[in-house]
Amino acid sequence: MLENLLDLVKQYAGDSIINNPAIPNDKNEAAIGEAANAISGGLQNMLNQGGFKDILKMFGGQSGIDENNITHSISGGLIESLTGKLGVEQQAASGIAGSLIPAVLKGLVQRTNDPNDAGFNIQGLFNSLSGGKTAGIDLQGMLSKVQGGMLDLDGDGDTDLQDIMRLFNQMGTGGSGGLIGKLKGLFGG
């Protein structure tokens, strides 16, 4: 997945990195690599901290990419990397992160949701980010539920572990102890 993500960052790196005088040309590839690592690491951290539903909502189009916590978290990581590792000034690094991260995340969501694009798929992406913890979970089915606005199954106005548990029970996979443990880990429960 990191290879595909790196290619995606390269697609969007034009004005943010390659044509940006704040990044010396000999550091362009390093800056692109830092952006890909920040995105991958940021998404992994979100999953590890129980942000599964937030990431799933982002891929389902239920939360705006520009203003969500995922974007802010990833941007913060990229700013740190650019200033600490590459010596980019704070203001320039903030500008780079502010334009590049939302664009790449939008591209990632579009490509992941495109059934004709074999470069990304929701199952492979989540499996890679979770270290295999999402194997056996029908993420495409869950994503379809998110996109259809049907994930708040208990009607309490939010999507949480109880909704996901109901979804798995409906899908006939709720009885698997291993699957339940995976879900609790992903939701921080």
C-alpha atoms as a PDB file:
ATOM      1  CA  MET A   1       0.000   0.000   0.000  1.00  0.00           C
ATOM      2  CA  LEU A   2       2.808   2.430   0.813  1.00  0.00           C
ATOM      3  CA  GLU A   3       4.084   2.226  -2.771  1.00  0.00           C
ATOM      4  CA  ASN A   4       0.655   3.174  -4.158  1.00  0.00           C
ATOM      5  CA  LEU A   5       0.309   5.900  -1.564  1.00  0.00           C
ATOM      6  CA  LEU A   6       3.719   7.288  -2.502  1.00  0.00           C
ATOM      7  CA  ASP A   7       2.628   7.411  -6.151  1.00  0.00           C
ATOM      8  CA  LEU A   8      -0.555   9.200  -5.144  1.00  0.00           C
ATOM      9  CA  VAL A   9       1.374  11.801  -3.158  1.00  0.00           C
ATOM     10  CA  LYS A  10       3.621  12.356  -6.191  1.00  0.00           C
ATOM     11  CA  GLN A  11       0.517  13.082  -8.265  1.00  0.00           C
ATOM     12  CA  TYR A  12      -0.509  15.891  -5.931  1.00  0.00           C
ATOM     13  CA  ALA A  13       2.949  17.197  -4.997  1.00  0.00           C
ATOM     14  CA  GLY A  14       3.324  19.679  -7.867  1.00  0.00           C
ATOM     15  CA  ASP A  15       2.702  23.098  -6.315  1.00  0.00           C
ATOM     16  CA  SER A  16       2.958  21.945  -2.723  1.00  0.00           C
ATOM     17  CA  ILE A  17       6.416  20.390  -2.953  1.00  0.00           C
ATOM     18  CA  ILE A  18       8.024  20.217  -6.399  1.00  0.00           C
ATOM     19  CA  ASN A  19       7.351  23.808  -7.479  1.00  0.00           C
ATOM     20  CA  ASN A  20       7.694  25.195  -3.969  1.00  0.00           C
ATOM     21  CA  PRO A  21      10.822  27.311  -3.359  1.00  0.00           C
ATOM     22  CA  ALA A  22      10.662  26.417   0.360  1.00  0.00           C
ATOM     23  CA  ILE A  23      11.684  22.852  -0.559  1.00  0.00           C
ATOM     24  CA  PRO A  24      15.071  22.630  -2.297  1.00  0.00           C
ATOM     25  CA  ASN A  25      14.903  20.454  -5.420  1.00  0.00           C
ATOM     26  CA  ASP A  26      17.299  17.922  -3.938  1.00  0.00           C
ATOM     27  CA  LYS A  27      14.823  17.377  -1.061  1.00  0.00           C
ATOM     28  CA  ASN A  28      11.674  16.942  -3.173  1.00  0.00           C
ATOM     29  CA  GLU A  29      11.715  13.133  -3.036  1.00  0.00           C
ATOM     30  CA  ALA A  30      12.385  13.174   0.711  1.00  0.00           C
ATOM     31  CA  ALA A  31       9.473  15.584   1.247  1.00  0.00           C
ATOM     32  CA  ILE A  32       7.172  13.380  -0.840  1.00  0.00           C
ATOM     33  CA  GLY A  33       8.278  10.363   1.192  1.00  0.00           C
ATOM     34  CA  GLU A  34       7.621  12.232   4.430  1.00  0.00           C
ATOM     35  CA  ALA A  35       4.116  13.120   3.214  1.00  0.00           C
ATOM     36  CA  ALA A  36       3.357   9.478   2.340  1.00  0.00           C
ATOM     37  CA  ASN A  37       4.713   8.338   5.708  1.00  0.00           C
ATOM     38  CA  ALA A  38       2.690  11.005   7.533  1.00  0.00           C
ATOM     39  CA  ILE A  39      -0.510   9.863   5.827  1.00  0.00           C
ATOM     40  CA  SER A  40       0.129   6.176   6.395  1.00  0.00           C
ATOM     41  CA  GLY A  41       1.301   6.715   9.972  1.00  0.00           C
ATOM     42  CA  GLY A  42      -1.521   9.112  10.750  1.00  0.00           C
ATOM     43  CA  LEU A  43      -4.162   6.678   9.530  1.00  0.00           C
ATOM     44  CA  GLN A  44      -2.494   3.832  11.446  1.00  0.00           C
ATOM     45  CA  ASN A  45      -2.457   5.924  14.619  1.00  0.00           C
ATOM     46  CA  MET A  46      -6.123   6.791  14.174  1.00  0.00           C
ATOM     47  CA  LEU A  47      -6.994   3.100  13.844  1.00  0.00           C
ATOM     48  CA  ASN A  48      -4.867   2.186  16.857  1.00  0.00           C
ATOM     49  CA  GLN A  49      -6.569   4.864  18.933  1.00  0.00           C
ATOM     50  CA  GLY A  50     -10.102   3.710  18.096  1.00  0.00           C
ATOM     51  CA  GLY A  51     -10.712   5.971  15.092  1.00  0.00           C
ATOM     52  CA  PHE A  52     -12.036   3.188  12.841  1.00  0.00           C
ATOM     53  CA  LYS A  53     -15.454   4.781  12.472  1.00  0.00           C
ATOM     54  CA  ASP A  54     -13.955   8.194  11.632  1.00  0.00           C
ATOM     55  CA  ILE A  55     -11.806   6.718   8.884  1.00  0.00           C
ATOM     56  CA  LEU A  56     -14.694   4.624   7.581  1.00  0.00           C
ATOM     57  CA  LYS A  57     -16.919   7.725   7.560  1.00  0.00           C
ATOM     58  CA  MET A  58     -14.258   9.615   5.602  1.00  0.00           C
ATOM     59  CA  PHE A  59     -14.148   6.853   2.977  1.00  0.00           C
ATOM     60  CA  GLY A  60     -17.943   6.733   2.960  1.00  0.00           C
ATOM     61  CA  GLY A  61     -18.244  10.456   2.309  1.00  0.00           C
ATOM     62  CA  GLN A  62     -19.914  11.099   5.671  1.00  0.00           C
ATOM     63  CA  SER A  63     -17.316  13.568   6.947  1.00  0.00           C
ATOM     64  CA  GLY A  64     -15.566  16.388   5.156  1.00  0.00           C
ATOM     65  CA  ILE A  65     -11.907  15.754   4.530  1.00  0.00           C
ATOM     66  CA  ASP A  66     -10.841  19.363   4.982  1.00  0.00           C
ATOM     67  CA  GLU A  67     -12.125  19.791   8.503  1.00  0.00           C
ATOM     68  CA  ASN A  68     -11.884  16.366  10.083  1.00  0.00           C
ATOM     69  CA  ASN A  69      -9.557  15.194  12.841  1.00  0.00           C
ATOM     70  CA  ILE A  70      -7.783  12.825  10.472  1.00  0.00           C
ATOM     71  CA  THR A  71      -6.559  15.697   8.305  1.00  0.00           C
ATOM     72  CA  HIS A  72      -5.433  17.733  11.314  1.00  0.00           C
ATOM     73  CA  SER A  73      -3.581  14.804  12.841  1.00  0.00           C
ATOM     74  CA  ILE A  74      -1.814  13.896   9.612  1.00  0.00           C
ATOM     75  CA  SER A  75      -0.984  17.538   8.858  1.00  0.00           C
ATOM     76  CA  GLY A  76       0.606  17.912  12.282  1.00  0.00           C
ATOM     77  CA  GLY A  77       2.795  14.884  11.648  1.00  0.00           C
ATOM     78  CA  LEU A  78       3.870  16.178   8.245  1.00  0.00           C
ATOM     79  CA  ILE A  79       4.671  19.638   9.619  1.00  0.00           C
ATOM     80  CA  GLU A  80       6.854  18.028  12.286  1.00  0.00           C
ATOM     81  CA  SER A  81       8.664  15.915   9.706  1.00  0.00           C
ATOM     82  CA  LEU A  82       9.242  18.757   7.280  1.00  0.00           C
ATOM     83  CA  THR A  83      10.570  21.125   9.923  1.00  0.00           C
ATOM     84  CA  GLY A  84      12.537  18.575  11.936  1.00  0.00           C
ATOM     85  CA  LYS A  85      13.983  16.367   9.226  1.00  0.00           C
ATOM     86  CA  LEU A  86      14.196  18.683   6.225  1.00  0.00           C
ATOM     87  CA  GLY A  87      14.635  22.075   7.881  1.00  0.00           C
ATOM     88  CA  VAL A  88      11.587  23.659   6.248  1.00  0.00           C
ATOM     89  CA  GLU A  89      10.303  26.755   8.047  1.00  0.00           C
ATOM     90  CA  GLN A  90       7.182  26.260  10.157  1.00  0.00           C
ATOM     91  CA  GLN A  91       4.963  28.565   8.078  1.00  0.00           C
ATOM     92  CA  ALA A  92       6.009  26.926   4.792  1.00  0.00           C
ATOM     93  CA  ALA A  93       5.539  23.448   6.264  1.00  0.00           C
ATOM     94  CA  SER A  94       2.051  24.410   7.469  1.00  0.00           C
ATOM     95  CA  GLY A  95       1.153  25.658   4.004  1.00  0.00           C
ATOM     96  CA  ILE A  96       2.427  22.477   2.385  1.00  0.00           C
ATOM     97  CA  ALA A  97       0.500  20.266   4.794  1.00  0.00           C
ATOM     98  CA  GLY A  98      -2.623  22.418   4.506  1.00  0.00           C
ATOM     99  CA  SER A  99      -2.807  22.039   0.751  1.00  0.00           C
ATOM    100  CA  LEU A 100      -1.278  18.608   0.171  1.00  0.00           C
ATOM    101  CA  ILE A 101      -2.890  16.432   2.857  1.00  0.00           C
ATOM    102  CA  PRO A 102      -6.556  17.209   2.020  1.00  0.00           C
ATOM    103  CA  ALA A 103      -5.852  16.783  -1.705  1.00  0.00           C
ATOM    104  CA  VAL A 104      -4.139  13.421  -1.240  1.00  0.00           C
ATOM    105  CA  LEU A 105      -6.836  12.180   1.149  1.00  0.00           C
ATOM    106  CA  LYS A 106      -9.551  13.171  -1.342  1.00  0.00           C
ATOM    107  CA  GLY A 107      -7.648  11.328  -4.061  1.00  0.00           C
ATOM    108  CA  LEU A 108      -7.205   8.314  -1.793  1.00  0.00           C
ATOM    109  CA  VAL A 109     -10.921   8.212  -1.035  1.00  0.00           C
ATOM    110  CA  GLN A 110     -11.848   8.579  -4.712  1.00  0.00           C
ATOM    111  CA  ARG A 111      -9.437   5.880  -5.849  1.00  0.00           C
ATOM    112  CA  THR A 112     -10.422   3.505  -3.047  1.00  0.00           C
ATOM    113  CA  ASN A 113     -14.101   3.916  -3.900  1.00  0.00           C
ATOM    114  CA  ASP A 114     -13.521   3.433  -7.637  1.00  0.00           C
ATOM    115  CA  PRO A 115     -14.235  -0.232  -8.440  1.00  0.00           C
ATOM    116  CA  ASN A 116     -12.236   0.131 -11.679  1.00  0.00           C
ATOM    117  CA  ASP A 117      -9.070   1.211  -9.845  1.00  0.00           C
ATOM    118  CA  ALA A 118      -7.085  -1.799  -8.697  1.00  0.00           C
ATOM    119  CA  GLY A 119      -4.415   0.358  -7.006  1.00  0.00           C
ATOM    120  CA  PHE A 120      -6.448   0.805  -3.825  1.00  0.00           C
ATOM    121  CA  ASN A 121      -9.327  -1.066  -2.241  1.00  0.00           C
ATOM    122  CA  ILE A 122     -10.888  -0.555   1.136  1.00  0.00           C
ATOM    123  CA  GLN A 123     -10.077  -4.054   2.396  1.00  0.00           C
ATOM    124  CA  GLY A 124      -6.416  -3.930   1.380  1.00  0.00           C
ATOM    125  CA  LEU A 125      -6.015  -0.424   2.738  1.00  0.00           C
ATOM    126  CA  PHE A 126      -7.482  -1.239   6.141  1.00  0.00           C
ATOM    127  CA  ASN A 127      -5.620  -4.551   6.350  1.00  0.00           C
ATOM    128  CA  SER A 128      -2.362  -2.749   5.681  1.00  0.00           C
ATOM    129  CA  LEU A 129      -3.095   0.040   8.152  1.00  0.00           C
ATOM    130  CA  SER A 130      -4.307  -2.297  10.897  1.00  0.00           C
ATOM    131  CA  GLY A 131      -1.578  -4.882  10.504  1.00  0.00           C
ATOM    132  CA  GLY A 132      -4.149  -7.458   9.414  1.00  0.00           C
ATOM    133  CA  LYS A 133      -6.604  -6.821  12.256  1.00  0.00           C
ATOM    134  CA  THR A 134      -9.413  -6.117   9.786  1.00  0.00           C
ATOM    135  CA  ALA A 135      -9.006  -9.393   7.904  1.00  0.00           C
ATOM    136  CA  GLY A 136     -12.323 -11.199   7.879  1.00  0.00           C
ATOM    137  CA  ILE A 137     -14.364  -8.014   8.274  1.00  0.00           C
ATOM    138  CA  ASP A 138     -16.531  -7.117   5.266  1.00  0.00           C
ATOM    139  CA  LEU A 139     -15.342  -3.541   5.005  1.00  0.00           C
ATOM    140  CA  GLN A 140     -16.903  -3.007   1.590  1.00  0.00           C
ATOM    141  CA  GLY A 141     -20.275  -3.958   3.078  1.00  0.00           C
ATOM    142  CA  MET A 142     -19.702  -1.582   5.980  1.00  0.00           C
ATOM    143  CA  LEU A 143     -18.649   1.172   3.593  1.00  0.00           C
ATOM    144  CA  SER A 144     -21.837   0.669   1.604  1.00  0.00           C
ATOM    145  CA  LYS A 145     -23.812   1.076   4.818  1.00  0.00           C
ATOM    146  CA  VAL A 146     -21.921   4.292   5.632  1.00  0.00           C
ATOM    147  CA  GLN A 147     -22.514   5.650   2.135  1.00  0.00           C
ATOM    148  CA  GLY A 148     -26.200   4.829   2.414  1.00  0.00           C
ATOM    149  CA  GLY A 149     -26.450   6.552   5.802  1.00  0.00           C
ATOM    150  CA  MET A 150     -27.446   3.274   7.411  1.00  0.00           C
ATOM    151  CA  LEU A 151     -24.684   2.803   9.979  1.00  0.00           C
ATOM    152  CA  ASP A 152     -26.466   4.413  12.952  1.00  0.00           C
ATOM    153  CA  LEU A 153     -28.345   1.209  13.621  1.00  0.00           C
ATOM    154  CA  ASP A 154     -29.370   1.966  17.179  1.00  0.00           C
ATOM    155  CA  GLY A 155     -30.775   5.393  16.266  1.00  0.00           C
ATOM    156  CA  ASP A 156     -28.813   7.337  18.877  1.00  0.00           C
ATOM    157  CA  GLY A 157     -27.381   9.853  16.411  1.00  0.00           C
ATOM    158  CA  ASP A 158     -23.824   8.508  16.246  1.00  0.00           C
ATOM    159  CA  THR A 159     -21.946   5.565  14.863  1.00  0.00           C
ATOM    160  CA  ASP A 160     -20.188   3.669  17.602  1.00  0.00           C
ATOM    161  CA  LEU A 161     -19.248   0.158  18.648  1.00  0.00           C
ATOM    162  CA  GLN A 162     -22.889  -0.721  19.397  1.00  0.00           C
ATOM    163  CA  ASP A 163     -23.866   0.130  15.803  1.00  0.00           C
ATOM    164  CA  ILE A 164     -21.022  -1.922  14.379  1.00  0.00           C
ATOM    165  CA  MET A 165     -21.910  -4.858  16.632  1.00  0.00           C
ATOM    166  CA  ARG A 166     -25.490  -4.717  15.352  1.00  0.00           C
ATOM    167  CA  LEU A 167     -24.198  -4.586  11.785  1.00  0.00           C
ATOM    168  CA  PHE A 168     -22.077  -7.676  12.326  1.00  0.00           C
ATOM    169  CA  ASN A 169     -24.985  -9.479  13.930  1.00  0.00           C
ATOM    170  CA  GLN A 170     -27.099  -8.631  10.875  1.00  0.00           C
ATOM    171  CA  MET A 171     -24.332  -9.900   8.611  1.00  0.00           C
ATOM    172  CA  GLY A 172     -24.147 -13.128  10.604  1.00  0.00           C
ATOM    173  CA  THR A 173     -20.611 -12.552  11.869  1.00  0.00           C
ATOM    174  CA  GLY A 174     -21.348 -11.289  15.365  1.00  0.00           C
ATOM    175  CA  GLY A 175     -20.656 -14.582  17.093  1.00  0.00           C
ATOM    176  CA  SER A 176     -16.964 -14.739  16.257  1.00  0.00           C
ATOM    177  CA  GLY A 177     -14.945 -14.002  19.380  1.00  0.00           C
ATOM    178  CA  GLY A 178     -11.901 -13.072  17.315  1.00  0.00           C
ATOM    179  CA  LEU A 179     -13.922 -10.668  15.222  1.00  0.00           C
ATOM    180  CA  ILE A 180     -15.474  -9.065  18.281  1.00  0.00           C
ATOM    181  CA  GLY A 181     -12.022  -8.579  19.785  1.00  0.00           C
ATOM    182  CA  LYS A 182     -10.796  -6.969  16.566  1.00  0.00           C
ATOM    183  CA  LEU A 183     -13.726  -4.573  16.569  1.00  0.00           C
ATOM    184  CA  LYS A 184     -13.223  -3.568  20.171  1.00  0.00           C
ATOM    185  CA  GLY A 185      -9.571  -2.866  19.418  1.00  0.00           C
ATOM    186  CA  LEU A 186     -10.434  -0.765  16.382  1.00  0.00           C
ATOM    187  CA  PHE A 187     -13.051   1.222  18.275  1.00  0.00           C
ATOM    188  CA  GLY A 188     -10.957   1.593  21.391  1.00  0.00           C
ATOM    189  CA  GLY A 189     -13.469  -0.440  23.396  1.00  0.00           C
END
